PDB file of N, CA and C in Angstrom:
ATOM      1  N   MET A   1      19.603   5.841  28.263  1.00  0.00           N
ATOM      2  CA  MET A   1      20.015   5.604  26.898  1.00  0.00           C
ATOM      3  C   MET A   1      20.512   6.929  26.315  1.00  0.00           C
ATOM      4  N   THR A   2      21.585   6.842  25.566  1.00  0.00           N
ATOM      5  CA  THR A   2      22.183   8.060  25.010  1.00  0.00           C
ATOM      6  C   THR A   2      21.381   8.550  23.803  1.00  0.00           C
ATOM      7  N   PRO A   3      21.505   9.826  23.468  1.00  0.00           N
ATOM      8  CA  PRO A   3      20.821  10.353  22.281  1.00  0.00           C
ATOM      9  C   PRO A   3      21.235   9.629  20.994  1.00  0.00           C
ATOM     10  N   VAL A   4      22.492   9.225  20.916  1.00  0.00           N
ATOM     11  CA  VAL A   4      22.963   8.502  19.728  1.00  0.00           C
ATOM     12  C   VAL A   4      22.259   7.149  19.622  1.00  0.00           C
ATOM     13  N   GLN A   5      22.109   6.452  20.751  1.00  0.00           N
ATOM     14  CA  GLN A   5      21.408   5.168  20.744  1.00  0.00           C
ATOM     15  C   GLN A   5      19.937   5.356  20.387  1.00  0.00           C
ATOM     16  N   LEU A   6      19.309   6.381  20.946  1.00  0.00           N
ATOM     17  CA  LEU A   6      17.902   6.656  20.621  1.00  0.00           C
ATOM     18  C   LEU A   6      17.724   6.907  19.128  1.00  0.00           C
ATOM     19  N   GLU A   7      18.619   7.676  18.544  1.00  0.00           N
ATOM     20  CA  GLU A   7      18.537   7.962  17.110  1.00  0.00           C
ATOM     21  C   GLU A   7      18.735   6.686  16.301  1.00  0.00           C
ATOM     22  N   HIS A   8      19.641   5.843  16.730  1.00  0.00           N
ATOM     23  CA  HIS A   8      19.871   4.555  16.055  1.00  0.00           C
ATOM     24  C   HIS A   8      18.591   3.718  16.052  1.00  0.00           C
ATOM     25  N   PHE A   9      17.944   3.621  17.195  1.00  0.00           N
ATOM     26  CA  PHE A   9      16.727   2.820  17.279  1.00  0.00           C
ATOM     27  C   PHE A   9      15.575   3.476  16.531  1.00  0.00           C
ATOM     28  N   ARG A  10      15.527   4.791  16.524  1.00  0.00           N
ATOM     29  CA  ARG A  10      14.495   5.487  15.747  1.00  0.00           C
ATOM     30  C   ARG A  10      14.647   5.160  14.267  1.00  0.00           C
ATOM     31  N   GLN A  11      15.890   5.165  13.794  1.00  0.00           N
ATOM     32  CA  GLN A  11      16.138   4.836  12.391  1.00  0.00           C
ATOM     33  C   GLN A  11      15.799   3.380  12.079  1.00  0.00           C
ATOM     34  N   LEU A  12      16.125   2.468  13.002  1.00  0.00           N
ATOM     35  CA  LEU A  12      15.755   1.057  12.820  1.00  0.00           C
ATOM     36  C   LEU A  12      14.240   0.902  12.716  1.00  0.00           C
ATOM     37  N   LEU A  13      13.536   1.562  13.622  1.00  0.00           N
ATOM     38  CA  LEU A  13      12.072   1.478  13.631  1.00  0.00           C
ATOM     39  C   LEU A  13      11.476   2.066  12.357  1.00  0.00           C
ATOM     40  N   GLU A  14      12.001   3.190  11.912  1.00  0.00           N
ATOM     41  CA  GLU A  14      11.502   3.816  10.681  1.00  0.00           C
ATOM     42  C   GLU A  14      11.752   2.909   9.478  1.00  0.00           C
ATOM     43  N   ALA A  15      12.913   2.267   9.434  1.00  0.00           N
ATOM     44  CA  ALA A  15      13.225   1.353   8.331  1.00  0.00           C
ATOM     45  C   ALA A  15      12.266   0.166   8.339  1.00  0.00           C
ATOM     46  N   GLN A  16      12.002  -0.391   9.521  1.00  0.00           N
ATOM     47  CA  GLN A  16      11.048  -1.501   9.622  1.00  0.00           C
ATOM     48  C   GLN A  16       9.659  -1.045   9.199  1.00  0.00           C
ATOM     49  N   ARG A  17       9.288   0.142   9.607  1.00  0.00           N
ATOM     50  CA  ARG A  17       7.970   0.687   9.258  1.00  0.00           C
ATOM     51  C   ARG A  17       7.822   0.804   7.738  1.00  0.00           C
ATOM     52  N   GLN A  18       8.848   1.355   7.086  1.00  0.00           N
ATOM     53  CA  GLN A  18       8.808   1.515   5.628  1.00  0.00           C
ATOM     54  C   GLN A  18       8.734   0.156   4.922  1.00  0.00           C
ATOM     55  N   GLU A  19       9.475  -0.806   5.434  1.00  0.00           N
ATOM     56  CA  GLU A  19       9.467  -2.155   4.860  1.00  0.00           C
ATOM     57  C   GLU A  19       8.079  -2.787   4.988  1.00  0.00           C
ATOM     58  N   LEU A  20       7.467  -2.641   6.146  1.00  0.00           N
ATOM     59  CA  LEU A  20       6.129  -3.200   6.354  1.00  0.00           C
ATOM     60  C   LEU A  20       5.091  -2.522   5.477  1.00  0.00           C
ATOM     61  N   LEU A  21       5.192  -1.207   5.334  1.00  0.00           N
ATOM     62  CA  LEU A  21       4.245  -0.488   4.476  1.00  0.00           C
ATOM     63  C   LEU A  21       4.393  -0.919   3.022  1.00  0.00           C
ATOM     64  N   ALA A  22       5.630  -1.116   2.572  1.00  0.00           N
ATOM     65  CA  ALA A  22       5.856  -1.577   1.199  1.00  0.00           C
ATOM     66  C   ALA A  22       5.305  -2.989   1.020  1.00  0.00           C
ATOM     67  N   SER A  23       5.512  -3.852   1.998  1.00  0.00           N
ATOM     68  CA  SER A  23       5.002  -5.218   1.954  1.00  0.00           C
ATOM     69  C   SER A  23       3.479  -5.220   1.940  1.00  0.00           C
ATOM     70  N   LYS A  24       2.894  -4.338   2.731  1.00  0.00           N
ATOM     71  CA  LYS A  24       1.436  -4.223   2.799  1.00  0.00           C
ATOM     72  C   LYS A  24       0.872  -3.830   1.437  1.00  0.00           C
ATOM     73  N   GLU A  25       1.521  -2.875   0.792  1.00  0.00           N
ATOM     74  CA  GLU A  25       1.075  -2.409  -0.525  1.00  0.00           C
ATOM     75  C   GLU A  25       1.224  -3.515  -1.570  1.00  0.00           C
ATOM     76  N   ALA A  26       2.337  -4.235  -1.523  1.00  0.00           N
ATOM     77  CA  ALA A  26       2.596  -5.308  -2.490  1.00  0.00           C
ATOM     78  C   ALA A  26       1.596  -6.456  -2.346  1.00  0.00           C
ATOM     79  N   ALA A  27       1.112  -6.699  -1.140  1.00  0.00           N
ATOM     80  CA  ALA A  27       0.209  -7.825  -0.883  1.00  0.00           C
ATOM     81  C   ALA A  27      -1.269  -7.445  -0.977  1.00  0.00           C
ATOM     82  N   LYS A  28      -1.535  -6.222  -1.367  1.00  0.00           N
ATOM     83  CA  LYS A  28      -2.921  -5.734  -1.377  1.00  0.00           C
ATOM     84  C   LYS A  28      -3.853  -6.626  -2.200  1.00  0.00           C
ATOM     85  N   ASP A  29      -3.417  -7.070  -3.376  1.00  0.00           N
ATOM     86  CA  ASP A  29      -4.277  -7.870  -4.251  1.00  0.00           C
ATOM     87  C   ASP A  29      -4.519  -9.279  -3.730  1.00  0.00           C
ATOM     88  N   SER A  30      -3.626  -9.796  -2.903  1.00  0.00           N
ATOM     89  CA  SER A  30      -3.752 -11.189  -2.450  1.00  0.00           C
ATOM     90  C   SER A  30      -4.868 -11.394  -1.433  1.00  0.00           C
ATOM     91  N   THR A  31      -5.428 -10.327  -0.908  1.00  0.00           N
ATOM     92  CA  THR A  31      -6.520 -10.470   0.062  1.00  0.00           C
ATOM     93  C   THR A  31      -7.896 -10.258  -0.574  1.00  0.00           C
ATOM     94  N   LYS A  32      -7.918 -10.039  -1.883  1.00  0.00           N
ATOM     95  CA  LYS A  32      -9.201  -9.844  -2.559  1.00  0.00           C
ATOM     96  C   LYS A  32     -10.001 -11.148  -2.546  1.00  0.00           C
ATOM     97  N   PRO A  33     -11.343 -11.041  -2.591  1.00  0.00           N
ATOM     98  CA  PRO A  33     -12.180 -12.250  -2.593  1.00  0.00           C
ATOM     99  C   PRO A  33     -11.872 -13.155  -3.791  1.00  0.00           C
ATOM    100  N   VAL A  34     -11.996 -14.456  -3.581  1.00  0.00           N
ATOM    101  CA  VAL A  34     -11.765 -15.457  -4.623  1.00  0.00           C
ATOM    102  C   VAL A  34     -13.054 -15.615  -5.419  1.00  0.00           C
ATOM    103  N   THR A  35     -12.928 -15.616  -6.752  1.00  0.00           N
ATOM    104  CA  THR A  35     -14.114 -15.771  -7.594  1.00  0.00           C
ATOM    105  C   THR A  35     -14.638 -17.204  -7.516  1.00  0.00           C
ATOM    106  N   LEU A  36     -15.924 -17.360  -7.672  1.00  0.00           N
ATOM    107  CA  LEU A  36     -16.562 -18.669  -7.570  1.00  0.00           C
ATOM    108  C   LEU A  36     -16.976 -19.218  -8.928  1.00  0.00           C
ATOM    109  N   ASP A  37     -16.421 -18.693 -10.003  1.00  0.00           N
ATOM    110  CA  ASP A  37     -16.760 -19.130 -11.352  1.00  0.00           C
ATOM    111  C   ASP A  37     -16.050 -20.447 -11.650  1.00  0.00           C
ATOM    112  N   GLN A  38     -16.776 -21.576 -11.609  1.00  0.00           N
ATOM    113  CA  GLN A  38     -16.168 -22.883 -11.838  1.00  0.00           C
ATOM    114  C   GLN A  38     -15.774 -23.090 -13.293  1.00  0.00           C
ATOM    115  N   ALA A  39     -16.307 -22.286 -14.194  1.00  0.00           N
ATOM    116  CA  ALA A  39     -15.945 -22.432 -15.602  1.00  0.00           C
ATOM    117  C   ALA A  39     -14.499 -22.015 -15.838  1.00  0.00           C
ATOM    118  N   SER A  40     -14.022 -21.012 -15.097  1.00  0.00           N
ATOM    119  CA  SER A  40     -12.656 -20.536 -15.324  1.00  0.00           C
ATOM    120  C   SER A  40     -11.660 -21.096 -14.323  1.00  0.00           C
ATOM    121  N   VAL A  41     -12.118 -21.504 -13.151  1.00  0.00           N
ATOM    122  CA  VAL A  41     -11.224 -22.030 -12.120  1.00  0.00           C
ATOM    123  C   VAL A  41     -11.815 -23.317 -11.579  1.00  0.00           C
ATOM    124  N   GLY A  42     -11.019 -24.375 -11.556  1.00  0.00           N
ATOM    125  CA  GLY A  42     -11.481 -25.647 -11.027  1.00  0.00           C
ATOM    126  C   GLY A  42     -11.673 -25.572  -9.524  1.00  0.00           C
ATOM    127  N   ARG A  43     -12.360 -26.563  -8.999  1.00  0.00           N
ATOM    128  CA  ARG A  43     -12.683 -26.595  -7.571  1.00  0.00           C
ATOM    129  C   ARG A  43     -11.422 -26.607  -6.685  1.00  0.00           C
ATOM    130  N   LEU A  44     -10.431 -27.444  -7.036  1.00  0.00           N
ATOM    131  CA  LEU A  44      -9.205 -27.510  -6.248  1.00  0.00           C
ATOM    132  C   LEU A  44      -8.392 -26.226  -6.370  1.00  0.00           C
ATOM    133  N   SER A  45      -8.353 -25.681  -7.553  1.00  0.00           N
ATOM    134  CA  SER A  45      -7.632 -24.415  -7.736  1.00  0.00           C
ATOM    135  C   SER A  45      -8.271 -23.306  -6.908  1.00  0.00           C
ATOM    136  N   ARG A  46      -9.594 -23.311  -6.873  1.00  0.00           N
ATOM    137  CA  ARG A  46     -10.307 -22.306  -6.088  1.00  0.00           C
ATOM    138  C   ARG A  46     -10.034 -22.504  -4.603  1.00  0.00           C
ATOM    139  N   MET A  47      -9.965 -23.771  -4.153  1.00  0.00           N
ATOM    140  CA  MET A  47      -9.660 -24.046  -2.745  1.00  0.00           C
ATOM    141  C   MET A  47      -8.243 -23.571  -2.418  1.00  0.00           C
ATOM    142  N   ASP A  48      -7.317 -23.811  -3.333  1.00  0.00           N
ATOM    143  CA  ASP A  48      -5.948 -23.323  -3.135  1.00  0.00           C
ATOM    144  C   ASP A  48      -5.933 -21.802  -3.048  1.00  0.00           C
ATOM    145  N   ALA A  49      -6.707 -21.171  -3.921  1.00  0.00           N
ATOM    146  CA  ALA A  49      -6.764 -19.710  -3.917  1.00  0.00           C
ATOM    147  C   ALA A  49      -7.364 -19.189  -2.618  1.00  0.00           C
ATOM    148  N   MET A  50      -8.379 -19.891  -2.104  1.00  0.00           N
ATOM    149  CA  MET A  50      -9.002 -19.472  -0.852  1.00  0.00           C
ATOM    150  C   MET A  50      -8.031 -19.649   0.319  1.00  0.00           C
ATOM    151  N   GLN A  51      -7.253 -20.736   0.295  1.00  0.00           N
ATOM    152  CA  GLN A  51      -6.257 -20.930   1.344  1.00  0.00           C
ATOM    153  C   GLN A  51      -5.188 -19.836   1.253  1.00  0.00           C
ATOM    154  N   GLY A  52      -4.756 -19.524   0.049  1.00  0.00           N
ATOM    155  CA  GLY A  52      -3.784 -18.449  -0.146  1.00  0.00           C
ATOM    156  C   GLY A  52      -4.326 -17.115   0.348  1.00  0.00           C
ATOM    157  N   GLN A  53      -5.600 -16.872   0.093  1.00  0.00           N
ATOM    158  CA  GLN A  53      -6.235 -15.637   0.552  1.00  0.00           C
ATOM    159  C   GLN A  53      -6.254 -15.583   2.078  1.00  0.00           C
ATOM    160  N   ALA A  54      -6.597 -16.700   2.722  1.00  0.00           N
ATOM    161  CA  ALA A  54      -6.644 -16.736   4.189  1.00  0.00           C
ATOM    162  C   ALA A  54      -5.249 -16.478   4.775  1.00  0.00           C
ATOM    163  N   MET A  55      -4.230 -17.059   4.150  1.00  0.00           N
ATOM    164  CA  MET A  55      -2.857 -16.829   4.631  1.00  0.00           C
ATOM    165  C   MET A  55      -2.453 -15.369   4.427  1.00  0.00           C
ATOM    166  N   ALA A  56      -2.872 -14.772   3.322  1.00  0.00           N
ATOM    167  CA  ALA A  56      -2.555 -13.368   3.063  1.00  0.00           C
ATOM    168  C   ALA A  56      -3.252 -12.451   4.065  1.00  0.00           C
ATOM    169  N   ILE A  57      -4.474 -12.782   4.429  1.00  0.00           N
ATOM    170  CA  ILE A  57      -5.209 -11.986   5.414  1.00  0.00           C
ATOM    171  C   ILE A  57      -4.528 -12.065   6.772  1.00  0.00           C
ATOM    172  N   GLU A  58      -4.064 -13.258   7.161  1.00  0.00           N
ATOM    173  CA  GLU A  58      -3.352 -13.414   8.434  1.00  0.00           C
ATOM    174  C   GLU A  58      -2.028 -12.650   8.409  1.00  0.00           C
ATOM    175  N   ALA A  59      -1.322 -12.705   7.291  1.00  0.00           N
ATOM    176  CA  ALA A  59      -0.065 -11.953   7.174  1.00  0.00           C
ATOM    177  C   ALA A  59      -0.341 -10.457   7.293  1.00  0.00           C
ATOM    178  N   GLN A  60      -1.439 -10.007   6.715  1.00  0.00           N
ATOM    179  CA  GLN A  60      -1.821  -8.595   6.808  1.00  0.00           C
ATOM    180  C   GLN A  60      -2.116  -8.216   8.260  1.00  0.00           C
ATOM    181  N   ARG A  61      -2.808  -9.089   8.966  1.00  0.00           N
ATOM    182  CA  ARG A  61      -3.120  -8.829  10.373  1.00  0.00           C
ATOM    183  C   ARG A  61      -1.837  -8.695  11.184  1.00  0.00           C
ATOM    184  N   ARG A  62      -0.888  -9.576  10.932  1.00  0.00           N
ATOM    185  CA  ARG A  62       0.389  -9.519  11.654  1.00  0.00           C
ATOM    186  C   ARG A  62       1.175  -8.260  11.310  1.00  0.00           C
ATOM    187  N   ARG A  63       1.126  -7.854  10.043  1.00  0.00           N
ATOM    188  CA  ARG A  63       1.795  -6.593   9.656  1.00  0.00           C
ATOM    189  C   ARG A  63       1.186  -5.411  10.401  1.00  0.00           C
ATOM    190  N   GLU A  64      -0.135  -5.399  10.513  1.00  0.00           N
ATOM    191  CA  GLU A  64      -0.808  -4.304  11.217  1.00  0.00           C
ATOM    192  C   GLU A  64      -0.404  -4.255  12.688  1.00  0.00           C
ATOM    193  N   ILE A  65      -0.310  -5.417  13.314  1.00  0.00           N
ATOM    194  CA  ILE A  65       0.116  -5.480  14.721  1.00  0.00           C
ATOM    195  C   ILE A  65       1.536  -4.941  14.853  1.00  0.00           C
ATOM    196  N   GLN A  66       2.429  -5.358  13.962  1.00  0.00           N
ATOM    197  CA  GLN A  66       3.816  -4.887  14.023  1.00  0.00           C
ATOM    198  C   GLN A  66       3.893  -3.381  13.759  1.00  0.00           C
ATOM    199  N   LEU A  67       3.080  -2.884  12.838  1.00  0.00           N
ATOM    200  CA  LEU A  67       3.061  -1.439  12.586  1.00  0.00           C
ATOM    201  C   LEU A  67       2.610  -0.676  13.832  1.00  0.00           C
ATOM    202  N   GLN A  68       1.649  -1.222  14.546  1.00  0.00           N
ATOM    203  CA  GLN A  68       1.200  -0.583  15.785  1.00  0.00           C
ATOM    204  C   GLN A  68       2.294  -0.601  16.846  1.00  0.00           C
ATOM    205  N   ARG A  69       3.016  -1.730  16.951  1.00  0.00           N
ATOM    206  CA  ARG A  69       4.124  -1.827  17.909  1.00  0.00           C
ATOM    207  C   ARG A  69       5.204  -0.794  17.580  1.00  0.00           C
ATOM    208  N   ILE A  70       5.491  -0.637  16.282  1.00  0.00           N
ATOM    209  CA  ILE A  70       6.501   0.335  15.854  1.00  0.00           C
ATOM    210  C   ILE A  70       6.030   1.752  16.159  1.00  0.00           C
ATOM    211  N   HIS A  71       4.775   2.032  15.874  1.00  0.00           N
ATOM    212  CA  HIS A  71       4.211   3.358  16.171  1.00  0.00           C
ATOM    213  C   HIS A  71       4.331   3.666  17.667  1.00  0.00           C
ATOM    214  N   SER A  72       4.019   2.678  18.498  1.00  0.00           N
ATOM    215  CA  SER A  72       4.118   2.862  19.949  1.00  0.00           C
ATOM    216  C   SER A  72       5.559   3.100  20.384  1.00  0.00           C
ATOM    217  N   ALA A  73       6.500   2.361  19.795  1.00  0.00           N
ATOM    218  CA  ALA A  73       7.914   2.535  20.137  1.00  0.00           C
ATOM    219  C   ALA A  73       8.394   3.926  19.743  1.00  0.00           C
ATOM    220  N   LEU A  74       7.984   4.396  18.569  1.00  0.00           N
ATOM    221  CA  LEU A  74       8.364   5.752  18.137  1.00  0.00           C
ATOM    222  C   LEU A  74       7.770   6.804  19.078  1.00  0.00           C
ATOM    223  N   ALA A  75       6.552   6.565  19.543  1.00  0.00           N
ATOM    224  CA  ALA A  75       5.930   7.489  20.503  1.00  0.00           C
ATOM    225  C   ALA A  75       6.697   7.481  21.821  1.00  0.00           C
ATOM    226  N   ARG A  76       7.182   6.300  22.251  1.00  0.00           N
ATOM    227  CA  ARG A  76       7.969   6.230  23.488  1.00  0.00           C
ATOM    228  C   ARG A  76       9.295   6.973  23.340  1.00  0.00           C
ATOM    229  N   ILE A  77       9.862   6.957  22.151  1.00  0.00           N
ATOM    230  CA  ILE A  77      11.084   7.731  21.923  1.00  0.00           C
ATOM    231  C   ILE A  77      10.782   9.214  22.103  1.00  0.00           C
ATOM    232  N   GLN A  78       9.662   9.665  21.566  1.00  0.00           N
ATOM    233  CA  GLN A  78       9.272  11.075  21.699  1.00  0.00           C
ATOM    234  C   GLN A  78       9.031  11.463  23.150  1.00  0.00           C
ATOM    235  N   LYS A  79       8.454  10.542  23.929  1.00  0.00           N
ATOM    236  CA  LYS A  79       8.145  10.819  25.340  1.00  0.00           C
ATOM    237  C   LYS A  79       9.327  10.551  26.255  1.00  0.00           C
ATOM    238  N   ASP A  80      10.428  10.077  25.679  1.00  0.00           N
ATOM    239  CA  ASP A  80      11.641   9.756  26.443  1.00  0.00           C
ATOM    240  C   ASP A  80      11.423   8.565  27.379  1.00  0.00           C
ATOM    241  N   ASP A  81      10.539   7.648  26.985  1.00  0.00           N
ATOM    242  CA  ASP A  81      10.281   6.420  27.749  1.00  0.00           C
ATOM    243  C   ASP A  81      10.859   5.195  27.056  1.00  0.00           C
ATOM    244  N   TYR A  82      11.476   5.390  25.912  1.00  0.00           N
ATOM    245  CA  TYR A  82      11.935   4.260  25.115  1.00  0.00           C
ATOM    246  C   TYR A  82      13.051   3.514  25.842  1.00  0.00           C
ATOM    247  N   GLY A  83      12.988   2.183  25.753  1.00  0.00           N
ATOM    248  CA  GLY A  83      14.022   1.356  26.356  1.00  0.00           C
ATOM    249  C   GLY A  83      13.736   0.964  27.791  1.00  0.00           C
ATOM    250  N   LEU A  84      12.585   1.395  28.311  1.00  0.00           N
ATOM    251  CA  LEU A  84      12.191   1.025  29.668  1.00  0.00           C
ATOM    252  C   LEU A  84      11.090  -0.026  29.600  1.00  0.00           C
ATOM    253  N   CYS A  85      11.202  -1.041  30.434  1.00  0.00           N
ATOM    254  CA  CYS A  85      10.208  -2.111  30.499  1.00  0.00           C
ATOM    255  C   CYS A  85       8.880  -1.519  30.987  1.00  0.00           C
ATOM    256  N   THR A  86       7.805  -1.840  30.304  1.00  0.00           N
ATOM    257  CA  THR A  86       6.499  -1.306  30.694  1.00  0.00           C
ATOM    258  C   THR A  86       5.941  -1.995  31.942  1.00  0.00           C
ATOM    259  N   ALA A  87       6.525  -3.134  32.318  1.00  0.00           N
ATOM    260  CA  ALA A  87       6.055  -3.850  33.505  1.00  0.00           C
ATOM    261  C   ALA A  87       6.819  -3.438  34.764  1.00  0.00           C
ATOM    262  N   CYS A  88       8.147  -3.459  34.677  1.00  0.00           N
ATOM    263  CA  CYS A  88       8.949  -3.200  35.888  1.00  0.00           C
ATOM    264  C   CYS A  88       9.706  -1.872  35.847  1.00  0.00           C
ATOM    265  N   GLU A  89       9.661  -1.197  34.714  1.00  0.00           N
ATOM    266  CA  GLU A  89      10.299   0.107  34.497  1.00  0.00           C
ATOM    267  C   GLU A  89      11.828   0.070  34.564  1.00  0.00           C
ATOM    268  N   GLU A  90      12.404  -1.136  34.464  1.00  0.00           N
ATOM    269  CA  GLU A  90      13.857  -1.271  34.363  1.00  0.00           C
ATOM    270  C   GLU A  90      14.248  -1.112  32.900  1.00  0.00           C
ATOM    271  N   GLU A  91      15.536  -0.855  32.648  1.00  0.00           N
ATOM    272  CA  GLU A  91      15.997  -0.718  31.269  1.00  0.00           C
ATOM    273  C   GLU A  91      15.958  -2.068  30.552  1.00  0.00           C
ATOM    274  N   ILE A  92      15.537  -2.040  29.300  1.00  0.00           N
ATOM    275  CA  ILE A  92      15.566  -3.225  28.449  1.00  0.00           C
ATOM    276  C   ILE A  92      16.975  -3.315  27.869  1.00  0.00           C
ATOM    277  N   ALA A  93      17.540  -4.510  27.850  1.00  0.00           N
ATOM    278  CA  ALA A  93      18.898  -4.700  27.352  1.00  0.00           C
ATOM    279  C   ALA A  93      19.017  -4.232  25.898  1.00  0.00           C
ATOM    280  N   ILE A  94      20.121  -3.568  25.596  1.00  0.00           N
ATOM    281  CA  ILE A  94      20.366  -3.058  24.243  1.00  0.00           C
ATOM    282  C   ILE A  94      20.339  -4.208  23.233  1.00  0.00           C
ATOM    283  N   ARG A  95      20.902  -5.351  23.594  1.00  0.00           N
ATOM    284  CA  ARG A  95      20.897  -6.499  22.669  1.00  0.00           C
ATOM    285  C   ARG A  95      19.478  -6.938  22.347  1.00  0.00           C
ATOM    286  N   ARG A  96      18.584  -6.860  23.316  1.00  0.00           N
ATOM    287  CA  ARG A  96      17.175  -7.214  23.064  1.00  0.00           C
ATOM    288  C   ARG A  96      16.542  -6.199  22.114  1.00  0.00           C
ATOM    289  N   LEU A  97      16.843  -4.924  22.330  1.00  0.00           N
ATOM    290  CA  LEU A  97      16.288  -3.887  21.458  1.00  0.00           C
ATOM    291  C   LEU A  97      16.871  -3.973  20.044  1.00  0.00           C
ATOM    292  N   GLU A  98      18.114  -4.414  19.924  1.00  0.00           N
ATOM    293  CA  GLU A  98      18.700  -4.608  18.596  1.00  0.00           C
ATOM    294  C   GLU A  98      17.939  -5.695  17.844  1.00  0.00           C
ATOM    295  N   THR A  99      17.520  -6.734  18.559  1.00  0.00           N
ATOM    296  CA  THR A  99      16.776  -7.831  17.956  1.00  0.00           C
ATOM    297  C   THR A  99      15.347  -7.410  17.638  1.00  0.00           C
ATOM    298  N   ASP A 100      14.715  -6.708  18.576  1.00  0.00           N
ATOM    299  CA  ASP A 100      13.332  -6.239  18.401  1.00  0.00           C
ATOM    300  C   ASP A 100      13.230  -4.824  18.946  1.00  0.00           C
ATOM    301  N   PRO A 101      13.439  -3.825  18.084  1.00  0.00           N
ATOM    302  CA  PRO A 101      13.415  -2.438  18.562  1.00  0.00           C
ATOM    303  C   PRO A 101      12.059  -1.998  19.130  1.00  0.00           C
ATOM    304  N   ALA A 102      11.005  -2.767  18.856  1.00  0.00           N
ATOM    305  CA  ALA A 102       9.677  -2.412  19.367  1.00  0.00           C
ATOM    306  C   ALA A 102       9.355  -3.138  20.672  1.00  0.00           C
ATOM    307  N   ALA A 103      10.330  -3.839  21.247  1.00  0.00           N
ATOM    308  CA  ALA A 103      10.096  -4.591  22.486  1.00  0.00           C
ATOM    309  C   ALA A 103       9.651  -3.654  23.608  1.00  0.00           C
ATOM    310  N   THR A 104       8.710  -4.132  24.405  1.00  0.00           N
ATOM    311  CA  THR A 104       8.201  -3.321  25.518  1.00  0.00           C
ATOM    312  C   THR A 104       8.546  -3.920  26.875  1.00  0.00           C
ATOM    313  N   LEU A 105       9.028  -5.159  26.879  1.00  0.00           N
ATOM    314  CA  LEU A 105       9.331  -5.847  28.136  1.00  0.00           C
ATOM    315  C   LEU A 105      10.794  -6.281  28.179  1.00  0.00           C
ATOM    316  N   CYS A 106      11.369  -6.226  29.366  1.00  0.00           N
ATOM    317  CA  CYS A 106      12.700  -6.784  29.554  1.00  0.00           C
ATOM    318  C   CYS A 106      12.575  -8.309  29.496  1.00  0.00           C
ATOM    319  N   ILE A 107      13.703  -8.992  29.415  1.00  0.00           N
ATOM    320  CA  ILE A 107      13.678 -10.454  29.308  1.00  0.00           C
ATOM    321  C   ILE A 107      12.950 -11.093  30.491  1.00  0.00           C
ATOM    322  N   ALA A 108      13.257 -10.652  31.710  1.00  0.00           N
ATOM    323  CA  ALA A 108      12.647 -11.260  32.903  1.00  0.00           C
ATOM    324  C   ALA A 108      11.121 -11.131  32.872  1.00  0.00           C
ATOM    325  N   CYS A 109      10.621  -9.956  32.527  1.00  0.00           N
ATOM    326  CA  CYS A 109       9.162  -9.757  32.491  1.00  0.00           C
ATOM    327  C   CYS A 109       8.532 -10.508  31.318  1.00  0.00           C
ATOM    328  N   ALA A 110       9.242 -10.598  30.202  1.00  0.00           N
ATOM    329  CA  ALA A 110       8.721 -11.346  29.059  1.00  0.00           C
ATOM    330  C   ALA A 110       8.601 -12.828  29.401  1.00  0.00           C
ATOM    331  N   VAL A 111       9.596 -13.370  30.092  1.00  0.00           N
ATOM    332  CA  VAL A 111       9.554 -14.776  30.504  1.00  0.00           C
ATOM    333  C   VAL A 111       8.414 -14.989  31.493  1.00  0.00           C
ATOM    334  N   ARG A 112       8.273 -14.071  32.446  1.00  0.00           N
ATOM    335  CA  ARG A 112       7.186 -14.181  33.416  1.00  0.00           C
ATOM    336  C   ARG A 112       5.831 -14.160  32.729  1.00  0.00           C
ATOM    337  N   GLN A 113       5.677 -13.297  31.739  1.00  0.00           N
ATOM    338  CA  GLN A 113       4.407 -13.189  31.034  1.00  0.00           C
ATOM    339  C   GLN A 113       4.123 -14.464  30.229  1.00  0.00           C
ATOM    340  N   GLU A 114       5.154 -15.070  29.644  1.00  0.00           N
ATOM    341  CA  GLU A 114       4.970 -16.304  28.893  1.00  0.00           C
ATOM    342  C   GLU A 114       4.514 -17.453  29.768  1.00  0.00           C
ATOM    343  N   LYS A 115       4.980 -17.501  31.010  1.00  0.00           N
ATOM    344  CA  LYS A 115       4.643 -18.594  31.918  1.00  0.00           C
ATOM    345  C   LYS A 115       3.210 -18.543  32.383  1.00  0.00           C
ATOM    346  N   ARG A 116       2.551 -17.425  32.227  1.00  0.00           N
ATOM    347  CA  ARG A 116       1.161 -17.309  32.684  1.00  0.00           C
ATOM    348  C   ARG A 116       0.215 -18.077  31.852  1.00  0.00           C
TER     349      ARG A 116
END
């Protein structure tokens, strides 16, 4: 991979990282515990709030996983391993990296892993 391509993917990853961090900050209040005061919130409203809280917690978990994937991809750029499949060590297609710059597997290895 050329230095220009590496810089392009580094910038993509940094932009995704910043977007996820901003999203994480914006959603901070949605994961707070739901109050159990029935005088101010009806039972169904509280159930809706609890479901919303559970969905927010899952979204937070997914953001954390993606942030870790991005961190790992940035580390691979530093180590000059970026763009290589972690399973077969072949180059990952540029089109795949454009779609998911944090991808660690080439298409063939990703398909093989899915079939397991």
